[in-house]
Amino acid sequence: MFGIGKHTGQKSTRRTSSSKGHNSSSSQYAQSEAHAEPAAAAPVTSFLFIVNELPTNDDPDTPNSVPPRHENQRWRPPITMRGFFDQEPGRVYRWNDGVVSLAEGYEWTSIPVGTPPIANGTIFATDPDGETIWPEYFRAATVFYCNPFDKFFTTPGDAGTREIAACGDPGDWWHPLTFFHGHDISYVDHAGDQEYLAVRDAPWIEQLLPREYRRPHRGGPANGGLAGLLPIVIALVAFSCVDAPELHRILIRERAWSGHRWRPHQRETGQRGGRGMVVTVFLDPENPYGSTRDSIHEVENGRTPIFR
């Protein structure tokens, strides 16, 4: 994150000369320092996000559905675009330096983004002059809770925009949720090198992630944080409750996610088999200096966890 410049109070180690000319210069320098403007604080980081439910079209009783996919007799997400219905849009939120609020005036539209499409929709708002504001796309992820054995599977972007079965890049396939470890933080990812969290105990374990993701052995950090790819982190928050209205309650009324901390709520879990969602993060057009690709990358990958 960004630091704030401040005066340290350390005394100068420069020697004072007896020369009149030097004394005059030193006096002018001291006066200049006395009248210097204080260093301006760096702008805070913010971003917008939306959580859309992604129902699957793989029910054999539904006409024109695709065959359900199973591996080892356990359900897995579809690997064809026909395997998904349209996204069911949620509300647009703003994360501003750890504080989550509604992004008033922003809403979802199913206009595809990119050629070929990288997303089956985006968000927009209208400014006071009637001009349309299109926030810049940052990153998306599709996340499913498959079953109690496989738990979470993820894929980059909007899974409804491509034929995953035909993708030559393994990075575009479905992957079990994994992590990278560093600085006592577990960084969620599509292709991490760790199957388990770096810690065994934390306030966000169990509500955001089943206990089976805990560090399997004792030792290591006693407590730690969660960070990584923001769409996956936000999806885990959304899976902690059953639907969009409940997500609104825990984020806005109960402030479960606030100040880089997770405060456990009492809502019913939404980790049910076959449930999926597309989470998309956008730059915040109302904070052009603080909401940049670099600053949001720092939220994902920095040493300050999204949750402690």
C-alpha atoms as a PDB file:
ATOM      1  CA  MET A   1       0.000   0.000   0.000  1.00  0.00           C
ATOM      2  CA  PHE A   2       1.011   3.606  -0.114  1.00  0.00           C
ATOM      3  CA  GLY A   3       2.982   5.277   2.636  1.00  0.00           C
ATOM      4  CA  ILE A   4       2.404   8.799   3.948  1.00  0.00           C
ATOM      5  CA  GLY A   5       5.401  11.095   3.973  1.00  0.00           C
ATOM      6  CA  LYS A   6       6.171  12.626   7.370  1.00  0.00           C
ATOM      7  CA  HIS A   7       8.957  14.471   9.190  1.00  0.00           C
ATOM      8  CA  THR A   8      10.990  12.084  11.351  1.00  0.00           C
ATOM      9  CA  GLY A   9      12.213  14.662  13.869  1.00  0.00           C
ATOM     10  CA  GLN A  10      15.852  13.506  13.447  1.00  0.00           C
ATOM     11  CA  LYS A  11      18.402  16.260  14.053  1.00  0.00           C
ATOM     12  CA  SER A  12      20.587  17.457  11.216  1.00  0.00           C
ATOM     13  CA  THR A  13      24.227  16.321  11.297  1.00  0.00           C
ATOM     14  CA  ARG A  14      25.494  19.193   9.148  1.00  0.00           C
ATOM     15  CA  ARG A  15      28.291  21.289  10.723  1.00  0.00           C
ATOM     16  CA  THR A  16      27.722  25.046  11.132  1.00  0.00           C
ATOM     17  CA  SER A  17      30.358  27.231   9.496  1.00  0.00           C
ATOM     18  CA  SER A  18      31.602  30.515  11.011  1.00  0.00           C
ATOM     19  CA  SER A  19      31.565  32.036   7.518  1.00  0.00           C
ATOM     20  CA  LYS A  20      29.073  34.875   7.236  1.00  0.00           C
ATOM     21  CA  GLY A  21      28.088  33.822   3.757  1.00  0.00           C
ATOM     22  CA  HIS A  22      27.482  30.215   4.839  1.00  0.00           C
ATOM     23  CA  ASN A  23      25.493  31.327   7.879  1.00  0.00           C
ATOM     24  CA  SER A  24      23.294  33.426   5.603  1.00  0.00           C
ATOM     25  CA  SER A  25      22.744  30.428   3.314  1.00  0.00           C
ATOM     26  CA  SER A  26      21.916  28.201   6.277  1.00  0.00           C
ATOM     27  CA  SER A  27      19.430  30.771   7.546  1.00  0.00           C
ATOM     28  CA  GLN A  28      17.724  30.916   4.173  1.00  0.00           C
ATOM     29  CA  TYR A  29      17.593  27.101   4.048  1.00  0.00           C
ATOM     30  CA  ALA A  30      16.074  26.976   7.544  1.00  0.00           C
ATOM     31  CA  GLN A  31      13.450  29.529   6.548  1.00  0.00           C
ATOM     32  CA  SER A  32      12.711  27.541   3.395  1.00  0.00           C
ATOM     33  CA  GLU A  33      12.225  24.371   5.463  1.00  0.00           C
ATOM     34  CA  ALA A  34       9.986  26.223   7.920  1.00  0.00           C
ATOM     35  CA  HIS A  35       7.679  27.354   5.096  1.00  0.00           C
ATOM     36  CA  ALA A  36       7.739  24.082   3.131  1.00  0.00           C
ATOM     37  CA  GLU A  37       4.393  22.489   2.463  1.00  0.00           C
ATOM     38  CA  PRO A  38       3.828  19.169   4.296  1.00  0.00           C
ATOM     39  CA  ALA A  39       4.104  16.072   2.126  1.00  0.00           C
ATOM     40  CA  ALA A  40       0.744  15.159   0.646  1.00  0.00           C
ATOM     41  CA  ALA A  41      -0.707  11.777   1.533  1.00  0.00           C
ATOM     42  CA  ALA A  42      -0.861   9.273  -1.299  1.00  0.00           C
ATOM     43  CA  PRO A  43      -4.424   8.637  -2.526  1.00  0.00           C
ATOM     44  CA  VAL A  44      -6.155   5.654  -0.961  1.00  0.00           C
ATOM     45  CA  THR A  45      -6.828   2.585  -3.079  1.00  0.00           C
ATOM     46  CA  SER A  46     -10.359   1.729  -4.156  1.00  0.00           C
ATOM     47  CA  PHE A  47     -12.072  -0.522  -6.671  1.00  0.00           C
ATOM     48  CA  LEU A  48     -15.583  -1.571  -7.716  1.00  0.00           C
ATOM     49  CA  PHE A  49     -16.869  -5.141  -7.790  1.00  0.00           C
ATOM     50  CA  ILE A  50     -19.976  -7.122  -8.651  1.00  0.00           C
ATOM     51  CA  VAL A  51     -20.961 -10.683  -7.745  1.00  0.00           C
ATOM     52  CA  ASN A  52     -23.221 -12.427 -10.285  1.00  0.00           C
ATOM     53  CA  GLU A  53     -24.699 -15.869  -9.760  1.00  0.00           C
ATOM     54  CA  LEU A  54     -23.998 -18.259 -12.671  1.00  0.00           C
ATOM     55  CA  PRO A  55     -26.644 -21.010 -12.935  1.00  0.00           C
ATOM     56  CA  THR A  56     -25.705 -24.109 -14.912  1.00  0.00           C
ATOM     57  CA  ASN A  57     -27.662 -25.663 -17.764  1.00  0.00           C
ATOM     58  CA  ASP A  58     -26.795 -29.288 -17.035  1.00  0.00           C
ATOM     59  CA  ASP A  59     -29.991 -30.592 -15.473  1.00  0.00           C
ATOM     60  CA  PRO A  60     -31.105 -33.674 -17.494  1.00  0.00           C
ATOM     61  CA  ASP A  61     -34.739 -32.683 -16.889  1.00  0.00           C
ATOM     62  CA  THR A  62     -34.229 -29.312 -18.625  1.00  0.00           C
ATOM     63  CA  PRO A  63     -34.764 -29.263 -22.425  1.00  0.00           C
ATOM     64  CA  ASN A  64     -31.621 -28.503 -24.483  1.00  0.00           C
ATOM     65  CA  SER A  65     -29.361 -28.913 -21.475  1.00  0.00           C
ATOM     66  CA  VAL A  66     -25.833 -30.284 -21.710  1.00  0.00           C
ATOM     67  CA  PRO A  67     -24.958 -33.601 -20.045  1.00  0.00           C
ATOM     68  CA  PRO A  68     -23.777 -33.108 -16.456  1.00  0.00           C
ATOM     69  CA  ARG A  69     -20.049 -33.620 -16.000  1.00  0.00           C
ATOM     70  CA  HIS A  70     -18.739 -35.956 -13.337  1.00  0.00           C
ATOM     71  CA  GLU A  71     -15.255 -37.086 -12.386  1.00  0.00           C
ATOM     72  CA  ASN A  72     -14.936 -39.979  -9.947  1.00  0.00           C
ATOM     73  CA  GLN A  73     -18.729 -39.792  -9.676  1.00  0.00           C
ATOM     74  CA  ARG A  74     -18.494 -36.221  -8.358  1.00  0.00           C
ATOM     75  CA  TRP A  75     -20.065 -33.212 -10.092  1.00  0.00           C
ATOM     76  CA  ARG A  76     -17.826 -30.679 -11.831  1.00  0.00           C
ATOM     77  CA  PRO A  77     -18.659 -27.380 -13.613  1.00  0.00           C
ATOM     78  CA  PRO A  78     -19.492 -27.424 -17.351  1.00  0.00           C
ATOM     79  CA  ILE A  79     -16.732 -27.028 -19.931  1.00  0.00           C
ATOM     80  CA  THR A  80     -18.909 -25.553 -22.684  1.00  0.00           C
ATOM     81  CA  MET A  81     -20.631 -22.179 -22.968  1.00  0.00           C
ATOM     82  CA  ARG A  82     -23.952 -23.962 -23.487  1.00  0.00           C
ATOM     83  CA  GLY A  83     -23.593 -25.320 -19.990  1.00  0.00           C
ATOM     84  CA  PHE A  84     -24.434 -21.946 -18.432  1.00  0.00           C
ATOM     85  CA  PHE A  85     -27.502 -19.763 -18.302  1.00  0.00           C
ATOM     86  CA  ASP A  86     -27.249 -15.969 -18.236  1.00  0.00           C
ATOM     87  CA  GLN A  87     -25.651 -14.417 -15.186  1.00  0.00           C
ATOM     88  CA  GLU A  88     -27.988 -13.206 -12.456  1.00  0.00           C
ATOM     89  CA  PRO A  89     -26.570  -9.793 -11.574  1.00  0.00           C
ATOM     90  CA  GLY A  90     -25.982  -8.611  -8.048  1.00  0.00           C
ATOM     91  CA  ARG A  91     -25.340  -5.122  -6.759  1.00  0.00           C
ATOM     92  CA  VAL A  92     -22.220  -3.065  -7.416  1.00  0.00           C
ATOM     93  CA  TYR A  93     -19.999  -2.381  -4.414  1.00  0.00           C
ATOM     94  CA  ARG A  94     -17.000  -0.170  -3.747  1.00  0.00           C
ATOM     95  CA  TRP A  95     -13.999  -1.163  -1.617  1.00  0.00           C
ATOM     96  CA  ASN A  96     -12.228   1.963  -0.388  1.00  0.00           C
ATOM     97  CA  ASP A  97      -9.170   1.357   1.784  1.00  0.00           C
ATOM     98  CA  GLY A  98     -10.864  -1.497   3.610  1.00  0.00           C
ATOM     99  CA  VAL A  99     -14.366  -0.012   3.784  1.00  0.00           C
ATOM    100  CA  VAL A 100     -17.104  -1.628   1.656  1.00  0.00           C
ATOM    101  CA  SER A 101     -20.101   0.416   0.527  1.00  0.00           C
ATOM    102  CA  LEU A 102     -22.672   0.361  -2.258  1.00  0.00           C
ATOM    103  CA  ALA A 103     -21.450   2.009  -5.458  1.00  0.00           C
ATOM    104  CA  GLU A 104     -24.500   4.189  -5.923  1.00  0.00           C
ATOM    105  CA  GLY A 105     -25.582   4.766  -9.515  1.00  0.00           C
ATOM    106  CA  TYR A 106     -23.730   1.791 -11.002  1.00  0.00           C
ATOM    107  CA  GLU A 107     -25.564  -1.161 -12.497  1.00  0.00           C
ATOM    108  CA  TRP A 108     -25.048  -4.231 -14.655  1.00  0.00           C
ATOM    109  CA  THR A 109     -25.603  -4.517 -18.386  1.00  0.00           C
ATOM    110  CA  SER A 110     -25.245  -7.691 -20.452  1.00  0.00           C
ATOM    111  CA  ILE A 111     -23.281  -5.939 -23.214  1.00  0.00           C
ATOM    112  CA  PRO A 112     -20.261  -8.183 -23.985  1.00  0.00           C
ATOM    113  CA  VAL A 113     -16.795  -6.795 -23.335  1.00  0.00           C
ATOM    114  CA  GLY A 114     -14.004  -7.303 -25.875  1.00  0.00           C
ATOM    115  CA  THR A 115     -13.665  -8.972 -29.270  1.00  0.00           C
ATOM    116  CA  PRO A 116     -13.785 -11.895 -28.849  1.00  0.00           C
ATOM    117  CA  PRO A 117     -15.679 -11.359 -25.583  1.00  0.00           C
ATOM    118  CA  ILE A 118     -13.794 -11.671 -22.315  1.00  0.00           C
ATOM    119  CA  ALA A 119     -16.944 -10.965 -20.266  1.00  0.00           C
ATOM    120  CA  ASN A 120     -20.653 -11.379 -20.910  1.00  0.00           C
ATOM    121  CA  GLY A 121     -21.425  -8.012 -19.375  1.00  0.00           C
ATOM    122  CA  THR A 122     -20.066  -5.019 -17.510  1.00  0.00           C
ATOM    123  CA  ILE A 123     -21.145  -2.185 -15.228  1.00  0.00           C
ATOM    124  CA  PHE A 124     -21.912   1.433 -16.039  1.00  0.00           C
ATOM    125  CA  ALA A 125     -23.220   4.672 -14.568  1.00  0.00           C
ATOM    126  CA  THR A 126     -24.457   7.999 -15.902  1.00  0.00           C
ATOM    127  CA  ASP A 127     -22.798  11.265 -14.848  1.00  0.00           C
ATOM    128  CA  PRO A 128     -24.702  14.528 -14.146  1.00  0.00           C
ATOM    129  CA  ASP A 129     -24.217  15.599 -17.776  1.00  0.00           C
ATOM    130  CA  GLY A 130     -25.901  12.461 -19.073  1.00  0.00           C
ATOM    131  CA  GLU A 131     -22.650  10.868 -20.239  1.00  0.00           C
ATOM    132  CA  THR A 132     -22.188   7.135 -19.706  1.00  0.00           C
ATOM    133  CA  ILE A 133     -19.325   6.046 -17.453  1.00  0.00           C
ATOM    134  CA  TRP A 134     -17.766   2.673 -18.301  1.00  0.00           C
ATOM    135  CA  PRO A 135     -15.391   1.584 -15.497  1.00  0.00           C
ATOM    136  CA  GLU A 136     -12.226  -0.130 -16.694  1.00  0.00           C
ATOM    137  CA  TYR A 137     -12.230  -3.916 -16.359  1.00  0.00           C
ATOM    138  CA  PHE A 138      -9.506  -5.186 -14.032  1.00  0.00           C
ATOM    139  CA  ARG A 139     -10.014  -8.895 -13.455  1.00  0.00           C
ATOM    140  CA  ALA A 140     -12.710 -11.565 -13.152  1.00  0.00           C
ATOM    141  CA  ALA A 141     -12.965 -15.143 -11.960  1.00  0.00           C
ATOM    142  CA  THR A 142     -15.601 -17.848 -12.057  1.00  0.00           C
ATOM    143  CA  VAL A 143     -15.811 -19.890  -8.873  1.00  0.00           C
ATOM    144  CA  PHE A 144     -17.934 -22.963  -8.105  1.00  0.00           C
ATOM    145  CA  TYR A 145     -18.475 -24.919  -4.954  1.00  0.00           C
ATOM    146  CA  CYS A 146     -18.643 -28.421  -6.397  1.00  0.00           C
ATOM    147  CA  ASN A 147     -19.211 -30.855  -3.543  1.00  0.00           C
ATOM    148  CA  PRO A 148     -17.913 -31.619  -0.021  1.00  0.00           C
ATOM    149  CA  PHE A 149     -14.953 -33.564  -1.433  1.00  0.00           C
ATOM    150  CA  ASP A 150     -13.650 -31.291  -4.202  1.00  0.00           C
ATOM    151  CA  LYS A 151     -14.979 -28.069  -2.681  1.00  0.00           C
ATOM    152  CA  PHE A 152     -13.970 -24.961  -4.701  1.00  0.00           C
ATOM    153  CA  PHE A 153     -12.966 -24.950  -8.368  1.00  0.00           C
ATOM    154  CA  THR A 154     -11.942 -21.771 -10.172  1.00  0.00           C
ATOM    155  CA  THR A 155     -11.127 -20.519 -13.649  1.00  0.00           C
ATOM    156  CA  PRO A 156      -9.893 -17.100 -14.791  1.00  0.00           C
ATOM    157  CA  GLY A 157     -12.413 -14.667 -16.235  1.00  0.00           C
ATOM    158  CA  ASP A 158     -15.984 -15.403 -17.216  1.00  0.00           C
ATOM    159  CA  ALA A 159     -16.361 -19.138 -17.912  1.00  0.00           C
ATOM    160  CA  GLY A 160     -19.391 -18.424 -20.095  1.00  0.00           C
ATOM    161  CA  THR A 161     -17.282 -16.709 -22.765  1.00  0.00           C
ATOM    162  CA  ARG A 162     -15.230 -19.666 -23.996  1.00  0.00           C
ATOM    163  CA  GLU A 163     -15.296 -23.351 -24.775  1.00  0.00           C
ATOM    164  CA  ILE A 164     -13.107 -24.571 -21.952  1.00  0.00           C
ATOM    165  CA  ALA A 165     -13.010 -28.073 -23.430  1.00  0.00           C
ATOM    166  CA  ALA A 166     -11.278 -26.660 -26.530  1.00  0.00           C
ATOM    167  CA  CYS A 167      -8.843 -24.315 -24.761  1.00  0.00           C
ATOM    168  CA  GLY A 168      -5.233 -25.181 -25.507  1.00  0.00           C
ATOM    169  CA  ASP A 169      -3.897 -23.167 -22.567  1.00  0.00           C
ATOM    170  CA  PRO A 170      -4.215 -25.153 -19.304  1.00  0.00           C
ATOM    171  CA  GLY A 171      -4.513 -21.847 -17.498  1.00  0.00           C
ATOM    172  CA  ASP A 172      -8.009 -21.492 -19.009  1.00  0.00           C
ATOM    173  CA  TRP A 173      -9.255 -24.794 -17.571  1.00  0.00           C
ATOM    174  CA  TRP A 174     -10.961 -25.464 -14.243  1.00  0.00           C
ATOM    175  CA  HIS A 175      -8.570 -25.766 -11.300  1.00  0.00           C
ATOM    176  CA  PRO A 176      -8.956 -26.637  -7.618  1.00  0.00           C
ATOM    177  CA  LEU A 177      -8.587 -23.597  -5.391  1.00  0.00           C
ATOM    178  CA  THR A 178      -4.927 -23.257  -4.385  1.00  0.00           C
ATOM    179  CA  PHE A 179      -2.602 -20.825  -2.633  1.00  0.00           C
ATOM    180  CA  PHE A 180       0.817 -19.251  -2.548  1.00  0.00           C
ATOM    181  CA  HIS A 181       2.390 -18.623   0.868  1.00  0.00           C
ATOM    182  CA  GLY A 182       4.395 -15.634   2.009  1.00  0.00           C
ATOM    183  CA  HIS A 183       4.693 -13.320   5.033  1.00  0.00           C
ATOM    184  CA  ASP A 184       2.218 -15.488   6.998  1.00  0.00           C
ATOM    185  CA  ILE A 185      -0.345 -14.748   4.279  1.00  0.00           C
ATOM    186  CA  SER A 186      -2.190 -17.267   2.087  1.00  0.00           C
ATOM    187  CA  TYR A 187      -2.601 -15.833  -1.422  1.00  0.00           C
ATOM    188  CA  VAL A 188      -5.540 -17.462  -3.262  1.00  0.00           C
ATOM    189  CA  ASP A 189      -4.888 -18.329  -6.892  1.00  0.00           C
ATOM    190  CA  HIS A 190      -5.991 -20.502  -9.796  1.00  0.00           C
ATOM    191  CA  ALA A 191      -2.619 -22.204  -9.962  1.00  0.00           C
ATOM    192  CA  GLY A 192      -0.879 -21.834  -6.617  1.00  0.00           C
ATOM    193  CA  ASP A 193       1.779 -24.238  -5.412  1.00  0.00           C
ATOM    194  CA  GLN A 194       0.063 -25.010  -2.089  1.00  0.00           C
ATOM    195  CA  GLU A 195      -3.066 -27.062  -1.466  1.00  0.00           C
ATOM    196  CA  TYR A 196      -3.551 -25.756   2.054  1.00  0.00           C
ATOM    197  CA  LEU A 197      -3.528 -22.444   3.881  1.00  0.00           C
ATOM    198  CA  ALA A 198      -0.376 -21.232   5.608  1.00  0.00           C
ATOM    199  CA  VAL A 199      -2.189 -21.193   8.959  1.00  0.00           C
ATOM    200  CA  ARG A 200      -4.441 -23.433  11.025  1.00  0.00           C
ATOM    201  CA  ASP A 201      -6.389 -20.766  12.888  1.00  0.00           C
ATOM    202  CA  ALA A 202      -7.791 -17.407  11.824  1.00  0.00           C
ATOM    203  CA  PRO A 203     -11.155 -15.638  12.286  1.00  0.00           C
ATOM    204  CA  TRP A 204     -12.002 -16.097   8.602  1.00  0.00           C
ATOM    205  CA  ILE A 205     -11.356 -19.861   8.447  1.00  0.00           C
ATOM    206  CA  GLU A 206     -14.495 -22.014   8.411  1.00  0.00           C
ATOM    207  CA  GLN A 207     -16.808 -19.187   7.319  1.00  0.00           C
ATOM    208  CA  LEU A 208     -14.881 -18.353   4.143  1.00  0.00           C
ATOM    209  CA  LEU A 209     -13.121 -21.685   3.684  1.00  0.00           C
ATOM    210  CA  PRO A 210     -13.958 -25.170   4.974  1.00  0.00           C
ATOM    211  CA  ARG A 211     -11.712 -26.489   7.732  1.00  0.00           C
ATOM    212  CA  GLU A 212     -10.151 -28.971   5.307  1.00  0.00           C
ATOM    213  CA  TYR A 213      -8.166 -26.090   3.765  1.00  0.00           C
ATOM    214  CA  ARG A 214      -6.386 -25.407   7.065  1.00  0.00           C
ATOM    215  CA  ARG A 215      -2.682 -26.087   7.420  1.00  0.00           C
ATOM    216  CA  PRO A 216      -2.699 -29.858   8.104  1.00  0.00           C
ATOM    217  CA  HIS A 217       0.181 -29.865  10.583  1.00  0.00           C
ATOM    218  CA  ARG A 218       0.819 -27.841  13.696  1.00  0.00           C
ATOM    219  CA  GLY A 219       3.657 -25.412  13.657  1.00  0.00           C
ATOM    220  CA  GLY A 220       4.158 -22.462  11.351  1.00  0.00           C
ATOM    221  CA  PRO A 221       2.385 -19.166  12.001  1.00  0.00           C
ATOM    222  CA  ALA A 222      -0.260 -19.352  14.719  1.00  0.00           C
ATOM    223  CA  ASN A 223      -2.398 -16.847  12.864  1.00  0.00           C
ATOM    224  CA  GLY A 224      -2.272 -15.156   9.507  1.00  0.00           C
ATOM    225  CA  GLY A 225      -4.060 -13.383   6.712  1.00  0.00           C
ATOM    226  CA  LEU A 226      -5.741 -14.030   3.395  1.00  0.00           C
ATOM    227  CA  ALA A 227      -5.003 -12.182   0.155  1.00  0.00           C
ATOM    228  CA  GLY A 228      -4.497 -12.994  -3.526  1.00  0.00           C
ATOM    229  CA  LEU A 229      -6.675 -12.633  -6.600  1.00  0.00           C
ATOM    230  CA  LEU A 230      -9.493 -10.318  -5.587  1.00  0.00           C
ATOM    231  CA  PRO A 231     -12.329 -11.961  -7.564  1.00  0.00           C
ATOM    232  CA  ILE A 232     -11.630 -15.262  -5.799  1.00  0.00           C
ATOM    233  CA  VAL A 233     -11.397 -13.624  -2.359  1.00  0.00           C
ATOM    234  CA  ILE A 234     -14.692 -11.807  -2.980  1.00  0.00           C
ATOM    235  CA  ALA A 235     -16.310 -15.030  -4.201  1.00  0.00           C
ATOM    236  CA  LEU A 236     -15.351 -16.719  -0.912  1.00  0.00           C
ATOM    237  CA  VAL A 237     -17.088 -13.864   0.913  1.00  0.00           C
ATOM    238  CA  ALA A 238     -20.204 -14.344  -1.238  1.00  0.00           C
ATOM    239  CA  PHE A 239     -20.211 -18.102  -0.619  1.00  0.00           C
ATOM    240  CA  SER A 240     -20.377 -17.420   3.120  1.00  0.00           C
ATOM    241  CA  CYS A 241     -24.087 -16.576   2.678  1.00  0.00           C
ATOM    242  CA  VAL A 242     -26.889 -17.938   0.515  1.00  0.00           C
ATOM    243  CA  ASP A 243     -27.730 -15.180  -1.997  1.00  0.00           C
ATOM    244  CA  ALA A 244     -27.359 -11.547  -3.086  1.00  0.00           C
ATOM    245  CA  PRO A 245     -29.707 -10.046  -0.441  1.00  0.00           C
ATOM    246  CA  GLU A 246     -27.789 -11.840   2.306  1.00  0.00           C
ATOM    247  CA  LEU A 247     -24.488 -10.637   0.828  1.00  0.00           C
ATOM    248  CA  HIS A 248     -25.808  -7.080   1.008  1.00  0.00           C
ATOM    249  CA  ARG A 249     -26.726  -7.603   4.657  1.00  0.00           C
ATOM    250  CA  ILE A 250     -23.338  -8.921   5.729  1.00  0.00           C
ATOM    251  CA  LEU A 251     -21.380  -6.316   3.754  1.00  0.00           C
ATOM    252  CA  ILE A 252     -23.452  -3.192   4.403  1.00  0.00           C
ATOM    253  CA  ARG A 253     -25.470  -3.771   7.557  1.00  0.00           C
ATOM    254  CA  GLU A 254     -23.226  -6.090   9.528  1.00  0.00           C
ATOM    255  CA  ARG A 255     -19.851  -4.906   8.186  1.00  0.00           C
ATOM    256  CA  ALA A 256     -18.403  -8.402   8.146  1.00  0.00           C
ATOM    257  CA  TRP A 257     -15.637  -7.151   5.816  1.00  0.00           C
ATOM    258  CA  SER A 258     -14.203  -3.959   7.223  1.00  0.00           C
ATOM    259  CA  GLY A 259     -10.766  -2.544   7.898  1.00  0.00           C
ATOM    260  CA  HIS A 260      -8.806  -5.542   6.557  1.00  0.00           C
ATOM    261  CA  ARG A 261     -10.567  -7.778   9.070  1.00  0.00           C
ATOM    262  CA  TRP A 262     -13.232 -10.442   8.831  1.00  0.00           C
ATOM    263  CA  ARG A 263     -15.934 -10.344  11.474  1.00  0.00           C
ATOM    264  CA  PRO A 264     -17.832 -13.653  11.462  1.00  0.00           C
ATOM    265  CA  HIS A 265     -21.572 -13.338  10.842  1.00  0.00           C
ATOM    266  CA  GLN A 266     -24.460 -15.598  11.815  1.00  0.00           C
ATOM    267  CA  ARG A 267     -25.955 -16.158   8.345  1.00  0.00           C
ATOM    268  CA  GLU A 268     -26.458 -19.562   6.774  1.00  0.00           C
ATOM    269  CA  THR A 269     -23.570 -20.714   4.592  1.00  0.00           C
ATOM    270  CA  GLY A 270     -23.951 -20.616   0.817  1.00  0.00           C
ATOM    271  CA  GLN A 271     -21.384 -23.361   0.177  1.00  0.00           C
ATOM    272  CA  ARG A 272     -23.776 -25.730  -1.568  1.00  0.00           C
ATOM    273  CA  GLY A 273     -22.981 -28.165  -4.361  1.00  0.00           C
ATOM    274  CA  GLY A 274     -23.284 -26.809  -7.890  1.00  0.00           C
ATOM    275  CA  ARG A 275     -23.467 -23.142  -6.933  1.00  0.00           C
ATOM    276  CA  GLY A 276     -21.304 -20.847  -9.040  1.00  0.00           C
ATOM    277  CA  MET A 277     -20.660 -17.171  -9.567  1.00  0.00           C
ATOM    278  CA  VAL A 278     -18.715 -14.735 -11.700  1.00  0.00           C
ATOM    279  CA  VAL A 279     -16.996 -11.982  -9.727  1.00  0.00           C
ATOM    280  CA  THR A 280     -15.628  -8.991 -11.628  1.00  0.00           C
ATOM    281  CA  VAL A 281     -13.416  -6.198 -10.312  1.00  0.00           C
ATOM    282  CA  PHE A 282     -13.182  -2.783 -11.992  1.00  0.00           C
ATOM    283  CA  LEU A 283     -11.091   0.322 -11.519  1.00  0.00           C
ATOM    284  CA  ASP A 284     -12.967   3.063  -9.681  1.00  0.00           C
ATOM    285  CA  PRO A 285     -13.506   5.981 -12.106  1.00  0.00           C
ATOM    286  CA  GLU A 286     -14.236   8.307  -9.185  1.00  0.00           C
ATOM    287  CA  ASN A 287     -10.730   7.749  -7.797  1.00  0.00           C
ATOM    288  CA  PRO A 288      -8.443   7.948 -10.859  1.00  0.00           C
ATOM    289  CA  TYR A 289      -5.231   8.506  -8.889  1.00  0.00           C
ATOM    290  CA  GLY A 290      -5.831   5.886  -6.217  1.00  0.00           C
ATOM    291  CA  SER A 291      -7.592   3.227  -8.293  1.00  0.00           C
ATOM    292  CA  THR A 292      -4.949   2.036 -10.721  1.00  0.00           C
ATOM    293  CA  ARG A 293      -3.924  -1.375 -11.921  1.00  0.00           C
ATOM    294  CA  ASP A 294      -0.721  -1.119  -9.893  1.00  0.00           C
ATOM    295  CA  SER A 295      -2.465  -0.084  -6.680  1.00  0.00           C
ATOM    296  CA  ILE A 296      -5.016  -2.916  -6.949  1.00  0.00           C
ATOM    297  CA  HIS A 297      -2.245  -5.411  -7.699  1.00  0.00           C
ATOM    298  CA  GLU A 298      -0.646  -4.235  -4.443  1.00  0.00           C
ATOM    299  CA  VAL A 299      -3.868  -5.050  -2.565  1.00  0.00           C
ATOM    300  CA  GLU A 300      -3.759  -8.548  -4.053  1.00  0.00           C
ATOM    301  CA  ASN A 301      -0.056  -9.261  -3.653  1.00  0.00           C
ATOM    302  CA  GLY A 302       1.221  -6.951  -0.915  1.00  0.00           C
ATOM    303  CA  ARG A 303       2.181  -7.663   2.676  1.00  0.00           C
ATOM    304  CA  THR A 304      -1.057  -6.258   4.072  1.00  0.00           C
ATOM    305  CA  PRO A 305      -3.636  -9.069   3.945  1.00  0.00           C
ATOM    306  CA  ILE A 306      -7.158  -8.422   2.718  1.00  0.00           C
ATOM    307  CA  PHE A 307      -8.316 -10.253   5.857  1.00  0.00           C
ATOM    308  CA  ARG A 308      -6.588 -10.904   9.123  1.00  0.00           C
END
